Amino acid sequence: MQILVVDHPLVAHKLTALRDERTDSPTFRRLTEELVTLLAYEATRDVRTGPITVQTPVAEAEGIKLTSPKPLVVPILRAGLGMLEGMSRLLPTAEVGFLGMIRNEETLTASTYAERLPEDLHGRQCYVLDPMLATGGTLAAAIQFLVDRGADHITAICLLAAPEGVERVERELADLNVPCNLVIAGMDSHLNDKGYIVPGLGDAGDRLYGVAQ
């Protein structure tokens, strides 16, 4: 798995604001969208393209266009939804699927409870959106789910990651035989005993949408 920690002052600035516990939900959502757009710029460097010739007002010009099948953006519910607008802003022609996964707080393992995805993903590049790569179980399960349906290139975009989570994803997907990239805004220190990233930014879902009782 290729890992890219995006080193850019605007990324660091927006991530710092996201960490701040005083940042309210509307501001948190806006900052998340802006930050994801910056991360998506780096994450789409390998997006598949083909040559095309266009007519400018002066002469013909050689260029490129996105090829078919279209890229598939897959936010992991619910927190991944907060990243979708920022991704769509940069890649508006991509199709969108949804994957609902929940983490068991005792075992820290992930299970699928909902999905809205094509049955056949052969030939598809997929961009997985999940704000926090903590224990790694959810992301590893999501990537495996997409590969099992035929996806042949996966890029995961996360705001933050913990070394333990990255190690688990790499370990569980070691035999994947499909290119897999991870693009993040920051690599934090460690996980606490509850499986939360330290220093992190808290529960991304709750900070995006409030605490759902």
N, C-alpha and C. Protein backbone atom coordinates (compact mmCIF):
# COMPACT_ATOMS: atom_id res chain seq x y z
N MET A 1 0.83 -1.19 0.00
CA MET A 1 0.00 0.00 0.00
C MET A 1 0.87 1.24 0.00
N GLN A 2 0.62 2.12 -0.95
CA GLN A 2 1.35 3.37 -1.03
C GLN A 2 0.67 4.40 -0.12
N ILE A 3 1.44 5.03 0.76
CA ILE A 3 0.90 5.98 1.73
C ILE A 3 1.44 7.37 1.45
N LEU A 4 0.54 8.34 1.34
CA LEU A 4 0.93 9.72 1.11
C LEU A 4 0.33 10.60 2.20
N VAL A 5 1.18 11.22 3.00
CA VAL A 5 0.76 12.24 3.96
C VAL A 5 0.95 13.58 3.26
N VAL A 6 -0.14 14.25 2.95
CA VAL A 6 -0.07 15.47 2.14
C VAL A 6 0.55 16.60 2.96
N ASP A 7 1.68 17.07 2.49
CA ASP A 7 2.43 18.12 3.18
C ASP A 7 2.18 19.45 2.50
N HIS A 8 1.22 20.21 3.00
CA HIS A 8 0.87 21.50 2.41
C HIS A 8 0.36 22.40 3.53
N PRO A 9 0.77 23.66 3.56
CA PRO A 9 0.34 24.54 4.65
C PRO A 9 -1.16 24.71 4.76
N LEU A 10 -1.89 24.71 3.64
CA LEU A 10 -3.35 24.85 3.72
C LEU A 10 -3.98 23.61 4.33
N VAL A 11 -3.43 22.44 4.01
CA VAL A 11 -3.91 21.20 4.62
C VAL A 11 -3.69 21.24 6.13
N ALA A 12 -2.49 21.63 6.54
CA ALA A 12 -2.18 21.70 7.97
C ALA A 12 -3.06 22.73 8.68
N HIS A 13 -3.30 23.86 8.03
CA HIS A 13 -4.13 24.92 8.62
C HIS A 13 -5.56 24.43 8.85
N LYS A 14 -6.15 23.81 7.85
CA LYS A 14 -7.54 23.35 7.98
C LYS A 14 -7.65 22.18 8.96
N LEU A 15 -6.64 21.31 8.97
CA LEU A 15 -6.66 20.20 9.90
C LEU A 15 -6.58 20.70 11.35
N THR A 16 -5.78 21.72 11.58
CA THR A 16 -5.68 22.30 12.92
C THR A 16 -7.03 22.83 13.38
N ALA A 17 -7.75 23.51 12.49
CA ALA A 17 -9.07 24.03 12.84
C ALA A 17 -10.05 22.89 13.12
N LEU A 18 -9.93 21.78 12.40
CA LEU A 18 -10.80 20.62 12.64
C LEU A 18 -10.53 20.01 14.01
N ARG A 19 -9.28 20.01 14.42
CA ARG A 19 -8.93 19.43 15.72
C ARG A 19 -9.52 20.23 16.87
N ASP A 20 -9.65 21.53 16.71
CA ASP A 20 -10.05 22.42 17.78
C ASP A 20 -11.46 22.07 18.28
N GLU A 21 -11.59 21.74 19.55
CA GLU A 21 -12.89 21.35 20.10
C GLU A 21 -13.91 22.48 20.07
N ARG A 22 -13.45 23.71 19.87
CA ARG A 22 -14.37 24.85 19.81
C ARG A 22 -15.02 25.01 18.43
N THR A 23 -14.55 24.29 17.44
CA THR A 23 -15.11 24.38 16.09
C THR A 23 -16.49 23.74 16.06
N ASP A 24 -17.51 24.52 15.68
CA ASP A 24 -18.87 23.99 15.68
C ASP A 24 -19.13 23.13 14.45
N SER A 25 -20.27 22.42 14.44
CA SER A 25 -20.56 21.47 13.36
C SER A 25 -20.63 22.10 11.98
N PRO A 26 -21.33 23.25 11.80
CA PRO A 26 -21.36 23.85 10.45
C PRO A 26 -19.96 24.19 9.94
N THR A 27 -19.12 24.74 10.81
CA THR A 27 -17.75 25.08 10.40
C THR A 27 -16.95 23.81 10.15
N PHE A 28 -17.16 22.80 10.98
CA PHE A 28 -16.46 21.53 10.81
C PHE A 28 -16.80 20.91 9.46
N ARG A 29 -18.07 20.94 9.07
CA ARG A 29 -18.47 20.39 7.78
C ARG A 29 -17.83 21.15 6.62
N ARG A 30 -17.82 22.47 6.72
CA ARG A 30 -17.24 23.28 5.64
C ARG A 30 -15.74 23.02 5.52
N LEU A 31 -15.05 22.97 6.65
CA LEU A 31 -13.61 22.73 6.63
C LEU A 31 -13.29 21.33 6.09
N THR A 32 -14.14 20.35 6.45
CA THR A 32 -13.93 19.00 5.94
C THR A 32 -14.04 18.96 4.43
N GLU A 33 -15.05 19.62 3.88
CA GLU A 33 -15.21 19.67 2.42
C GLU A 33 -13.98 20.30 1.77
N GLU A 34 -13.52 21.42 2.32
CA GLU A 34 -12.36 22.10 1.74
C GLU A 34 -11.10 21.23 1.83
N LEU A 35 -10.93 20.58 2.97
CA LEU A 35 -9.74 19.75 3.16
C LEU A 35 -9.76 18.55 2.22
N VAL A 36 -10.92 17.93 2.06
CA VAL A 36 -11.02 16.76 1.18
C VAL A 36 -10.72 17.14 -0.27
N THR A 37 -11.14 18.33 -0.69
CA THR A 37 -10.83 18.77 -2.06
C THR A 37 -9.32 18.85 -2.26
N LEU A 38 -8.61 19.35 -1.25
CA LEU A 38 -7.15 19.41 -1.34
C LEU A 38 -6.55 18.00 -1.38
N LEU A 39 -7.05 17.10 -0.55
CA LEU A 39 -6.55 15.72 -0.55
C LEU A 39 -6.88 15.02 -1.86
N ALA A 40 -8.07 15.30 -2.39
CA ALA A 40 -8.49 14.66 -3.64
C ALA A 40 -7.59 15.03 -4.80
N TYR A 41 -7.06 16.24 -4.77
CA TYR A 41 -6.13 16.66 -5.83
C TYR A 41 -4.95 15.70 -5.91
N GLU A 42 -4.42 15.30 -4.75
CA GLU A 42 -3.31 14.36 -4.73
C GLU A 42 -3.78 12.94 -5.00
N ALA A 43 -4.97 12.60 -4.48
CA ALA A 43 -5.46 11.23 -4.60
C ALA A 43 -5.79 10.84 -6.03
N THR A 44 -6.10 11.81 -6.87
CA THR A 44 -6.52 11.51 -8.25
C THR A 44 -5.38 11.60 -9.26
N ARG A 45 -4.17 11.62 -8.80
CA ARG A 45 -3.04 11.67 -9.74
C ARG A 45 -3.00 10.44 -10.64
N ASP A 46 -3.53 9.34 -10.18
CA ASP A 46 -3.52 8.10 -10.97
C ASP A 46 -4.87 7.83 -11.64
N VAL A 47 -5.77 8.82 -11.65
CA VAL A 47 -7.06 8.59 -12.28
C VAL A 47 -6.83 8.27 -13.77
N ARG A 48 -7.62 7.35 -14.29
CA ARG A 48 -7.38 6.86 -15.65
C ARG A 48 -7.89 7.85 -16.69
N THR A 49 -7.05 8.12 -17.67
CA THR A 49 -7.38 9.07 -18.73
C THR A 49 -6.98 8.49 -20.08
N GLY A 50 -7.53 9.10 -21.13
CA GLY A 50 -7.17 8.75 -22.49
C GLY A 50 -6.98 10.01 -23.32
N PRO A 51 -6.32 9.90 -24.46
CA PRO A 51 -6.05 11.08 -25.29
C PRO A 51 -7.30 11.58 -26.00
N ILE A 52 -7.33 12.86 -26.25
CA ILE A 52 -8.43 13.48 -27.00
C ILE A 52 -7.89 14.71 -27.71
N THR A 53 -8.46 15.01 -28.86
CA THR A 53 -8.11 16.22 -29.60
C THR A 53 -9.30 17.17 -29.57
N VAL A 54 -9.04 18.41 -29.22
CA VAL A 54 -10.10 19.42 -29.18
C VAL A 54 -9.72 20.59 -30.09
N GLN A 55 -10.73 21.34 -30.47
CA GLN A 55 -10.51 22.51 -31.31
C GLN A 55 -10.58 23.76 -30.43
N THR A 56 -9.47 24.46 -30.33
CA THR A 56 -9.47 25.74 -29.63
C THR A 56 -9.88 26.83 -30.63
N PRO A 57 -10.09 28.08 -30.19
CA PRO A 57 -10.37 29.17 -31.14
C PRO A 57 -9.23 29.41 -32.14
N VAL A 58 -8.06 28.82 -31.87
CA VAL A 58 -6.89 29.08 -32.72
C VAL A 58 -6.50 27.85 -33.55
N ALA A 59 -6.46 26.68 -32.91
CA ALA A 59 -5.99 25.47 -33.60
C ALA A 59 -6.40 24.24 -32.81
N GLU A 60 -6.09 23.07 -33.37
CA GLU A 60 -6.33 21.84 -32.63
C GLU A 60 -5.34 21.71 -31.48
N ALA A 61 -5.78 21.07 -30.40
CA ALA A 61 -4.90 20.85 -29.25
C ALA A 61 -5.09 19.42 -28.75
N GLU A 62 -3.99 18.80 -28.41
CA GLU A 62 -4.02 17.45 -27.85
C GLU A 62 -4.20 17.55 -26.34
N GLY A 63 -5.08 16.73 -25.81
CA GLY A 63 -5.32 16.74 -24.38
C GLY A 63 -5.71 15.36 -23.89
N ILE A 64 -6.32 15.31 -22.71
CA ILE A 64 -6.76 14.04 -22.15
C ILE A 64 -8.17 14.21 -21.58
N LYS A 65 -8.85 13.08 -21.41
CA LYS A 65 -10.16 13.06 -20.77
C LYS A 65 -10.24 11.82 -19.90
N LEU A 66 -11.13 11.84 -18.92
CA LEU A 66 -11.34 10.67 -18.10
C LEU A 66 -11.95 9.56 -18.94
N THR A 67 -11.49 8.35 -18.72
CA THR A 67 -11.96 7.22 -19.52
C THR A 67 -13.11 6.50 -18.81
N SER A 68 -13.78 5.63 -19.54
CA SER A 68 -14.84 4.80 -18.98
C SER A 68 -14.26 3.44 -18.61
N PRO A 69 -14.81 2.78 -17.59
CA PRO A 69 -15.93 3.23 -16.76
C PRO A 69 -15.51 4.36 -15.83
N LYS A 70 -16.48 5.17 -15.43
CA LYS A 70 -16.19 6.31 -14.59
C LYS A 70 -15.67 5.88 -13.22
N PRO A 71 -14.84 6.72 -12.59
CA PRO A 71 -14.41 6.41 -11.22
C PRO A 71 -15.62 6.31 -10.30
N LEU A 72 -15.48 5.51 -9.27
CA LEU A 72 -16.55 5.33 -8.29
C LEU A 72 -16.09 5.84 -6.94
N VAL A 73 -16.83 6.79 -6.39
CA VAL A 73 -16.54 7.33 -5.07
C VAL A 73 -17.42 6.63 -4.05
N VAL A 74 -16.81 6.11 -2.99
CA VAL A 74 -17.55 5.30 -2.01
C VAL A 74 -17.33 5.86 -0.60
N PRO A 75 -18.24 6.73 -0.12
CA PRO A 75 -18.15 7.15 1.27
C PRO A 75 -18.63 6.04 2.19
N ILE A 76 -17.94 5.85 3.30
CA ILE A 76 -18.37 4.90 4.32
C ILE A 76 -19.28 5.64 5.29
N LEU A 77 -20.52 5.17 5.40
CA LEU A 77 -21.51 5.82 6.25
C LEU A 77 -21.13 5.68 7.72
N ARG A 78 -21.48 6.71 8.61
CA ARG A 78 -22.11 7.93 8.15
C ARG A 78 -21.10 9.05 7.93
N ALA A 79 -19.97 8.96 8.64
CA ALA A 79 -19.03 10.08 8.63
C ALA A 79 -18.46 10.35 7.25
N GLY A 80 -18.33 9.32 6.41
CA GLY A 80 -17.79 9.52 5.08
C GLY A 80 -18.62 10.45 4.22
N LEU A 81 -19.92 10.58 4.56
CA LEU A 81 -20.79 11.49 3.80
C LEU A 81 -20.29 12.93 3.89
N GLY A 82 -19.69 13.27 5.00
CA GLY A 82 -19.18 14.63 5.16
C GLY A 82 -18.02 14.94 4.24
N MET A 83 -17.44 13.91 3.61
CA MET A 83 -16.32 14.11 2.70
C MET A 83 -16.75 14.11 1.25
N LEU A 84 -18.00 13.72 1.00
CA LEU A 84 -18.45 13.51 -0.38
C LEU A 84 -18.46 14.80 -1.20
N GLU A 85 -18.97 15.88 -0.64
CA GLU A 85 -19.07 17.13 -1.39
C GLU A 85 -17.69 17.63 -1.81
N GLY A 86 -16.71 17.52 -0.92
CA GLY A 86 -15.36 17.96 -1.26
C GLY A 86 -14.75 17.14 -2.37
N MET A 87 -15.06 15.83 -2.39
CA MET A 87 -14.56 14.96 -3.45
C MET A 87 -15.28 15.24 -4.75
N SER A 88 -16.60 15.41 -4.70
CA SER A 88 -17.39 15.64 -5.91
C SER A 88 -17.05 16.98 -6.55
N ARG A 89 -16.63 17.92 -5.75
CA ARG A 89 -16.26 19.23 -6.29
C ARG A 89 -15.09 19.10 -7.27
N LEU A 90 -14.17 18.18 -6.98
CA LEU A 90 -13.00 18.00 -7.84
C LEU A 90 -13.27 16.97 -8.94
N LEU A 91 -14.15 16.01 -8.66
CA LEU A 91 -14.40 14.91 -9.60
C LEU A 91 -15.91 14.78 -9.82
N PRO A 92 -16.53 15.80 -10.43
CA PRO A 92 -18.00 15.83 -10.51
C PRO A 92 -18.61 14.75 -11.39
N THR A 93 -17.85 14.18 -12.32
CA THR A 93 -18.41 13.17 -13.21
C THR A 93 -18.34 11.76 -12.63
N ALA A 94 -17.71 11.61 -11.48
CA ALA A 94 -17.62 10.29 -10.87
C ALA A 94 -18.99 9.81 -10.41
N GLU A 95 -19.18 8.50 -10.41
CA GLU A 95 -20.39 7.92 -9.84
C GLU A 95 -20.17 7.71 -8.34
N VAL A 96 -21.27 7.61 -7.61
CA VAL A 96 -21.18 7.51 -6.15
C VAL A 96 -21.92 6.27 -5.68
N GLY A 97 -21.25 5.48 -4.86
CA GLY A 97 -21.88 4.36 -4.18
C GLY A 97 -21.75 4.56 -2.68
N PHE A 98 -22.49 3.78 -1.91
CA PHE A 98 -22.47 3.95 -0.46
C PHE A 98 -22.25 2.61 0.22
N LEU A 99 -21.48 2.66 1.30
CA LEU A 99 -21.18 1.45 2.06
C LEU A 99 -21.34 1.76 3.54
N GLY A 100 -22.27 1.06 4.17
CA GLY A 100 -22.49 1.25 5.60
C GLY A 100 -21.78 0.19 6.40
N MET A 101 -20.86 0.62 7.25
CA MET A 101 -20.11 -0.32 8.08
C MET A 101 -20.11 0.19 9.51
N ILE A 102 -20.20 -0.72 10.45
CA ILE A 102 -20.24 -0.34 11.85
C ILE A 102 -19.16 -1.11 12.61
N ARG A 103 -18.55 -0.41 13.56
CA ARG A 103 -17.49 -1.02 14.36
C ARG A 103 -18.03 -1.48 15.70
N ASN A 104 -17.77 -2.73 16.03
CA ASN A 104 -18.10 -3.24 17.35
C ASN A 104 -17.11 -2.64 18.36
N GLU A 105 -17.63 -1.88 19.31
CA GLU A 105 -16.76 -1.16 20.22
C GLU A 105 -16.00 -2.07 21.17
N GLU A 106 -16.43 -3.33 21.30
CA GLU A 106 -15.72 -4.27 22.18
C GLU A 106 -14.64 -5.03 21.42
N THR A 107 -15.00 -5.55 20.24
CA THR A 107 -14.04 -6.33 19.46
C THR A 107 -13.25 -5.48 18.48
N LEU A 108 -13.76 -4.24 18.19
CA LEU A 108 -13.14 -3.32 17.23
C LEU A 108 -13.11 -3.89 15.81
N THR A 109 -14.03 -4.81 15.52
CA THR A 109 -14.14 -5.35 14.17
C THR A 109 -15.32 -4.70 13.46
N ALA A 110 -15.28 -4.67 12.13
CA ALA A 110 -16.30 -3.98 11.35
C ALA A 110 -17.18 -4.98 10.62
N SER A 111 -18.45 -4.63 10.49
CA SER A 111 -19.39 -5.45 9.72
C SER A 111 -20.22 -4.54 8.84
N THR A 112 -20.70 -5.08 7.71
CA THR A 112 -21.49 -4.31 6.75
C THR A 112 -22.96 -4.39 7.11
N TYR A 113 -23.63 -3.24 7.18
CA TYR A 113 -25.06 -3.23 7.47
C TYR A 113 -25.89 -2.67 6.31
N ALA A 114 -25.23 -2.03 5.35
CA ALA A 114 -25.95 -1.49 4.20
C ALA A 114 -24.95 -1.23 3.07
N GLU A 115 -25.44 -1.34 1.82
CA GLU A 115 -24.59 -1.00 0.68
C GLU A 115 -25.45 -0.65 -0.52
N ARG A 116 -24.97 0.28 -1.29
CA ARG A 116 -25.60 0.66 -2.56
C ARG A 116 -24.48 0.80 -3.58
N LEU A 117 -24.13 -0.34 -4.18
CA LEU A 117 -22.99 -0.41 -5.08
C LEU A 117 -23.33 -1.34 -6.25
N PRO A 118 -22.69 -1.14 -7.40
CA PRO A 118 -22.87 -2.08 -8.50
C PRO A 118 -22.40 -3.48 -8.10
N GLU A 119 -23.08 -4.48 -8.60
CA GLU A 119 -22.67 -5.85 -8.30
C GLU A 119 -21.33 -6.19 -8.96
N ASP A 120 -21.07 -5.57 -10.11
CA ASP A 120 -19.84 -5.85 -10.86
C ASP A 120 -19.00 -4.59 -10.93
N LEU A 121 -17.83 -4.61 -10.29
CA LEU A 121 -16.94 -3.46 -10.29
C LEU A 121 -15.67 -3.70 -11.10
N HIS A 122 -15.71 -4.70 -11.99
CA HIS A 122 -14.52 -5.00 -12.79
C HIS A 122 -14.14 -3.78 -13.63
N GLY A 123 -12.85 -3.45 -13.59
CA GLY A 123 -12.35 -2.32 -14.36
C GLY A 123 -12.57 -0.97 -13.71
N ARG A 124 -13.09 -0.96 -12.46
CA ARG A 124 -13.41 0.31 -11.82
C ARG A 124 -12.31 0.75 -10.87
N GLN A 125 -11.98 2.04 -10.93
CA GLN A 125 -11.18 2.68 -9.90
C GLN A 125 -12.13 3.18 -8.82
N CYS A 126 -11.82 2.89 -7.57
CA CYS A 126 -12.68 3.30 -6.46
C CYS A 126 -11.93 4.21 -5.51
N TYR A 127 -12.62 5.24 -5.06
CA TYR A 127 -12.09 6.18 -4.07
C TYR A 127 -12.93 6.07 -2.81
N VAL A 128 -12.33 5.53 -1.76
CA VAL A 128 -13.04 5.29 -0.51
C VAL A 128 -12.84 6.48 0.42
N LEU A 129 -13.93 6.98 0.99
CA LEU A 129 -13.88 8.14 1.88
C LEU A 129 -14.23 7.72 3.30
N ASP A 130 -13.31 7.92 4.22
CA ASP A 130 -13.52 7.60 5.63
C ASP A 130 -12.64 8.54 6.44
N PRO A 131 -13.24 9.41 7.27
CA PRO A 131 -12.43 10.45 7.92
C PRO A 131 -11.29 9.91 8.78
N MET A 132 -11.56 8.85 9.57
CA MET A 132 -10.59 8.42 10.56
C MET A 132 -10.15 6.99 10.33
N LEU A 133 -8.86 6.79 10.10
CA LEU A 133 -8.29 5.44 10.03
C LEU A 133 -7.71 5.15 11.41
N ALA A 134 -8.55 4.57 12.26
CA ALA A 134 -8.16 4.34 13.65
C ALA A 134 -7.64 2.91 13.84
N THR A 135 -8.52 1.97 14.15
CA THR A 135 -8.08 0.59 14.31
C THR A 135 -7.80 -0.07 12.97
N GLY A 136 -8.38 0.46 11.91
CA GLY A 136 -8.13 -0.07 10.56
C GLY A 136 -9.10 -1.14 10.10
N GLY A 137 -9.93 -1.65 11.01
CA GLY A 137 -10.83 -2.74 10.64
C GLY A 137 -11.87 -2.34 9.61
N THR A 138 -12.45 -1.16 9.78
CA THR A 138 -13.49 -0.71 8.86
C THR A 138 -12.92 -0.50 7.46
N LEU A 139 -11.81 0.20 7.36
CA LEU A 139 -11.25 0.48 6.04
C LEU A 139 -10.78 -0.80 5.36
N ALA A 140 -10.14 -1.68 6.09
CA ALA A 140 -9.68 -2.94 5.50
C ALA A 140 -10.87 -3.75 4.98
N ALA A 141 -11.96 -3.79 5.75
CA ALA A 141 -13.14 -4.54 5.34
C ALA A 141 -13.79 -3.90 4.11
N ALA A 142 -13.82 -2.56 4.07
CA ALA A 142 -14.42 -1.86 2.94
C ALA A 142 -13.63 -2.12 1.66
N ILE A 143 -12.32 -2.04 1.75
CA ILE A 143 -11.48 -2.28 0.57
C ILE A 143 -11.64 -3.71 0.08
N GLN A 144 -11.65 -4.66 1.01
CA GLN A 144 -11.83 -6.06 0.62
C GLN A 144 -13.19 -6.28 -0.03
N PHE A 145 -14.22 -5.61 0.47
CA PHE A 145 -15.56 -5.70 -0.10
C PHE A 145 -15.56 -5.25 -1.56
N LEU A 146 -14.89 -4.13 -1.84
CA LEU A 146 -14.85 -3.60 -3.21
C LEU A 146 -14.04 -4.49 -4.14
N VAL A 147 -12.93 -5.01 -3.64
CA VAL A 147 -12.10 -5.89 -4.46
C VAL A 147 -12.84 -7.19 -4.76
N ASP A 148 -13.59 -7.70 -3.79
CA ASP A 148 -14.35 -8.93 -4.01
C ASP A 148 -15.37 -8.74 -5.13
N ARG A 149 -15.81 -7.52 -5.37
CA ARG A 149 -16.75 -7.24 -6.45
C ARG A 149 -16.06 -6.90 -7.76
N GLY A 150 -14.71 -6.88 -7.74
CA GLY A 150 -14.00 -6.72 -8.99
C GLY A 150 -13.21 -5.44 -9.16
N ALA A 151 -13.28 -4.51 -8.20
CA ALA A 151 -12.51 -3.27 -8.32
C ALA A 151 -11.03 -3.60 -8.44
N ASP A 152 -10.34 -2.88 -9.34
CA ASP A 152 -8.93 -3.23 -9.57
C ASP A 152 -7.96 -2.10 -9.23
N HIS A 153 -8.46 -1.05 -8.59
CA HIS A 153 -7.58 0.02 -8.13
C HIS A 153 -8.32 0.80 -7.05
N ILE A 154 -7.73 0.87 -5.85
CA ILE A 154 -8.39 1.49 -4.71
C ILE A 154 -7.52 2.62 -4.16
N THR A 155 -8.14 3.77 -3.93
CA THR A 155 -7.48 4.85 -3.21
C THR A 155 -8.38 5.26 -2.05
N ALA A 156 -7.84 5.20 -0.85
CA ALA A 156 -8.58 5.61 0.34
C ALA A 156 -8.13 7.01 0.75
N ILE A 157 -9.09 7.86 1.06
CA ILE A 157 -8.81 9.22 1.51
C ILE A 157 -9.31 9.36 2.94
N CYS A 158 -8.42 9.69 3.85
CA CYS A 158 -8.76 9.87 5.26
C CYS A 158 -8.20 11.19 5.75
N LEU A 159 -8.86 11.77 6.73
CA LEU A 159 -8.33 13.00 7.32
C LEU A 159 -7.14 12.66 8.22
N LEU A 160 -7.31 11.68 9.08
CA LEU A 160 -6.26 11.29 10.02
C LEU A 160 -6.10 9.78 10.06
N ALA A 161 -4.91 9.36 10.42
CA ALA A 161 -4.64 7.93 10.59
C ALA A 161 -3.77 7.72 11.81
N ALA A 162 -3.89 6.53 12.39
CA ALA A 162 -3.01 6.10 13.48
C ALA A 162 -2.11 5.00 12.95
N PRO A 163 -0.87 4.93 13.42
CA PRO A 163 0.05 3.89 12.93
C PRO A 163 -0.51 2.48 13.09
N GLU A 164 -1.22 2.22 14.19
CA GLU A 164 -1.78 0.88 14.41
C GLU A 164 -2.79 0.52 13.32
N GLY A 165 -3.60 1.50 12.93
CA GLY A 165 -4.60 1.25 11.90
C GLY A 165 -3.97 1.01 10.54
N VAL A 166 -2.96 1.79 10.21
CA VAL A 166 -2.26 1.61 8.94
C VAL A 166 -1.61 0.24 8.89
N GLU A 167 -1.00 -0.15 10.00
CA GLU A 167 -0.34 -1.46 10.05
C GLU A 167 -1.35 -2.58 9.85
N ARG A 168 -2.53 -2.44 10.45
CA ARG A 168 -3.55 -3.48 10.31
C ARG A 168 -4.06 -3.57 8.88
N VAL A 169 -4.31 -2.43 8.26
CA VAL A 169 -4.77 -2.44 6.87
C VAL A 169 -3.73 -3.10 5.98
N GLU A 170 -2.48 -2.74 6.17
CA GLU A 170 -1.41 -3.35 5.36
C GLU A 170 -1.33 -4.85 5.60
N ARG A 171 -1.49 -5.27 6.84
CA ARG A 171 -1.39 -6.69 7.17
C ARG A 171 -2.56 -7.48 6.58
N GLU A 172 -3.77 -6.96 6.75
CA GLU A 172 -4.95 -7.69 6.29
C GLU A 172 -5.10 -7.70 4.78
N LEU A 173 -4.49 -6.72 4.11
CA LEU A 173 -4.60 -6.64 2.66
C LEU A 173 -3.30 -6.99 1.96
N ALA A 174 -2.43 -7.68 2.68
CA ALA A 174 -1.11 -8.00 2.12
C ALA A 174 -1.20 -8.84 0.85
N ASP A 175 -2.23 -9.69 0.74
CA ASP A 175 -2.38 -10.57 -0.42
C ASP A 175 -3.44 -10.07 -1.39
N LEU A 176 -3.69 -8.78 -1.38
CA LEU A 176 -4.79 -8.22 -2.17
C LEU A 176 -4.53 -8.32 -3.67
N ASN A 177 -3.29 -8.10 -4.10
CA ASN A 177 -2.91 -8.12 -5.52
C ASN A 177 -3.67 -7.08 -6.34
N VAL A 178 -4.06 -6.00 -5.70
CA VAL A 178 -4.70 -4.86 -6.36
C VAL A 178 -4.02 -3.60 -5.84
N PRO A 179 -3.64 -2.66 -6.74
CA PRO A 179 -3.01 -1.43 -6.27
C PRO A 179 -3.90 -0.71 -5.26
N CYS A 180 -3.32 -0.32 -4.15
CA CYS A 180 -4.07 0.33 -3.08
C CYS A 180 -3.25 1.50 -2.53
N ASN A 181 -3.84 2.69 -2.55
CA ASN A 181 -3.17 3.89 -2.06
C ASN A 181 -3.94 4.47 -0.88
N LEU A 182 -3.21 5.12 0.00
CA LEU A 182 -3.81 5.82 1.14
C LEU A 182 -3.32 7.25 1.14
N VAL A 183 -4.24 8.20 1.10
CA VAL A 183 -3.92 9.63 1.11
C VAL A 183 -4.53 10.23 2.37
N ILE A 184 -3.70 10.86 3.21
CA ILE A 184 -4.16 11.38 4.49
C ILE A 184 -3.61 12.79 4.72
N ALA A 185 -4.31 13.52 5.59
CA ALA A 185 -3.84 14.86 5.96
C ALA A 185 -2.83 14.81 7.10
N GLY A 186 -2.90 13.78 7.92
CA GLY A 186 -1.97 13.69 9.04
C GLY A 186 -1.90 12.29 9.62
N MET A 187 -0.70 11.92 10.09
CA MET A 187 -0.48 10.66 10.79
C MET A 187 -0.26 11.00 12.27
N ASP A 188 -1.18 10.56 13.12
CA ASP A 188 -1.10 10.91 14.53
C ASP A 188 -0.28 9.90 15.32
N SER A 189 -0.24 10.11 16.63
CA SER A 189 0.68 9.37 17.49
C SER A 189 0.28 7.92 17.71
N HIS A 190 -0.94 7.70 18.20
CA HIS A 190 -1.33 6.34 18.60
C HIS A 190 -2.82 6.28 18.86
N LEU A 191 -3.31 5.10 19.20
CA LEU A 191 -4.68 4.90 19.64
C LEU A 191 -4.73 4.80 21.16
N ASN A 192 -5.82 5.34 21.74
CA ASN A 192 -5.99 5.14 23.18
C ASN A 192 -6.69 3.82 23.44
N ASP A 193 -7.00 3.54 24.72
CA ASP A 193 -7.56 2.23 25.06
C ASP A 193 -8.99 2.05 24.56
N LYS A 194 -9.62 3.12 24.04
CA LYS A 194 -10.95 3.02 23.47
C LYS A 194 -10.92 2.95 21.94
N GLY A 195 -9.73 2.93 21.38
CA GLY A 195 -9.60 2.84 19.94
C GLY A 195 -9.73 4.17 19.22
N TYR A 196 -9.56 5.28 19.95
CA TYR A 196 -9.63 6.60 19.34
C TYR A 196 -8.23 7.11 19.03
N ILE A 197 -8.11 7.87 17.94
CA ILE A 197 -6.83 8.44 17.54
C ILE A 197 -6.42 9.55 18.49
N VAL A 198 -5.15 9.57 18.87
CA VAL A 198 -4.59 10.59 19.75
C VAL A 198 -3.50 11.35 19.01
N PRO A 199 -3.52 12.71 18.97
CA PRO A 199 -4.53 13.58 19.58
C PRO A 199 -5.86 13.62 18.83
N GLY A 200 -5.87 13.27 17.55
CA GLY A 200 -7.10 13.13 16.80
C GLY A 200 -7.93 14.39 16.72
N LEU A 201 -9.24 14.20 16.56
CA LEU A 201 -10.17 15.33 16.53
C LEU A 201 -11.53 14.92 17.10
N GLY A 202 -11.54 13.81 17.83
CA GLY A 202 -12.80 13.32 18.39
C GLY A 202 -13.51 12.40 17.42
N ASP A 203 -14.81 12.22 17.64
CA ASP A 203 -15.63 11.39 16.76
C ASP A 203 -16.06 12.23 15.57
N ALA A 204 -15.55 11.90 14.39
CA ALA A 204 -15.81 12.73 13.20
C ALA A 204 -17.30 12.78 12.87
N GLY A 205 -18.00 11.66 12.99
CA GLY A 205 -19.42 11.64 12.70
C GLY A 205 -20.21 12.56 13.60
N ASP A 206 -19.92 12.51 14.90
CA ASP A 206 -20.61 13.38 15.86
C ASP A 206 -20.30 14.84 15.61
N ARG A 207 -19.07 15.13 15.25
CA ARG A 207 -18.69 16.53 15.03
C ARG A 207 -19.25 17.07 13.72
N LEU A 208 -19.47 16.17 12.77
CA LEU A 208 -20.09 16.59 11.50
C LEU A 208 -21.59 16.82 11.65
N TYR A 209 -22.26 15.88 12.36
CA TYR A 209 -23.71 15.84 12.33
C TYR A 209 -24.38 15.90 13.70
N GLY A 210 -23.59 15.95 14.76
CA GLY A 210 -24.17 15.92 16.09
C GLY A 210 -24.30 14.50 16.60
N VAL A 211 -24.62 14.38 17.87
CA VAL A 211 -24.75 13.06 18.49
C VAL A 211 -26.17 12.55 18.24
N ALA A 212 -26.29 11.46 17.49
CA ALA A 212 -27.60 10.87 17.19
C ALA A 212 -27.97 9.90 18.31
N GLN A 213 -29.02 10.25 19.05
CA GLN A 213 -29.44 9.41 20.18
C GLN A 213 -30.45 8.35 19.69
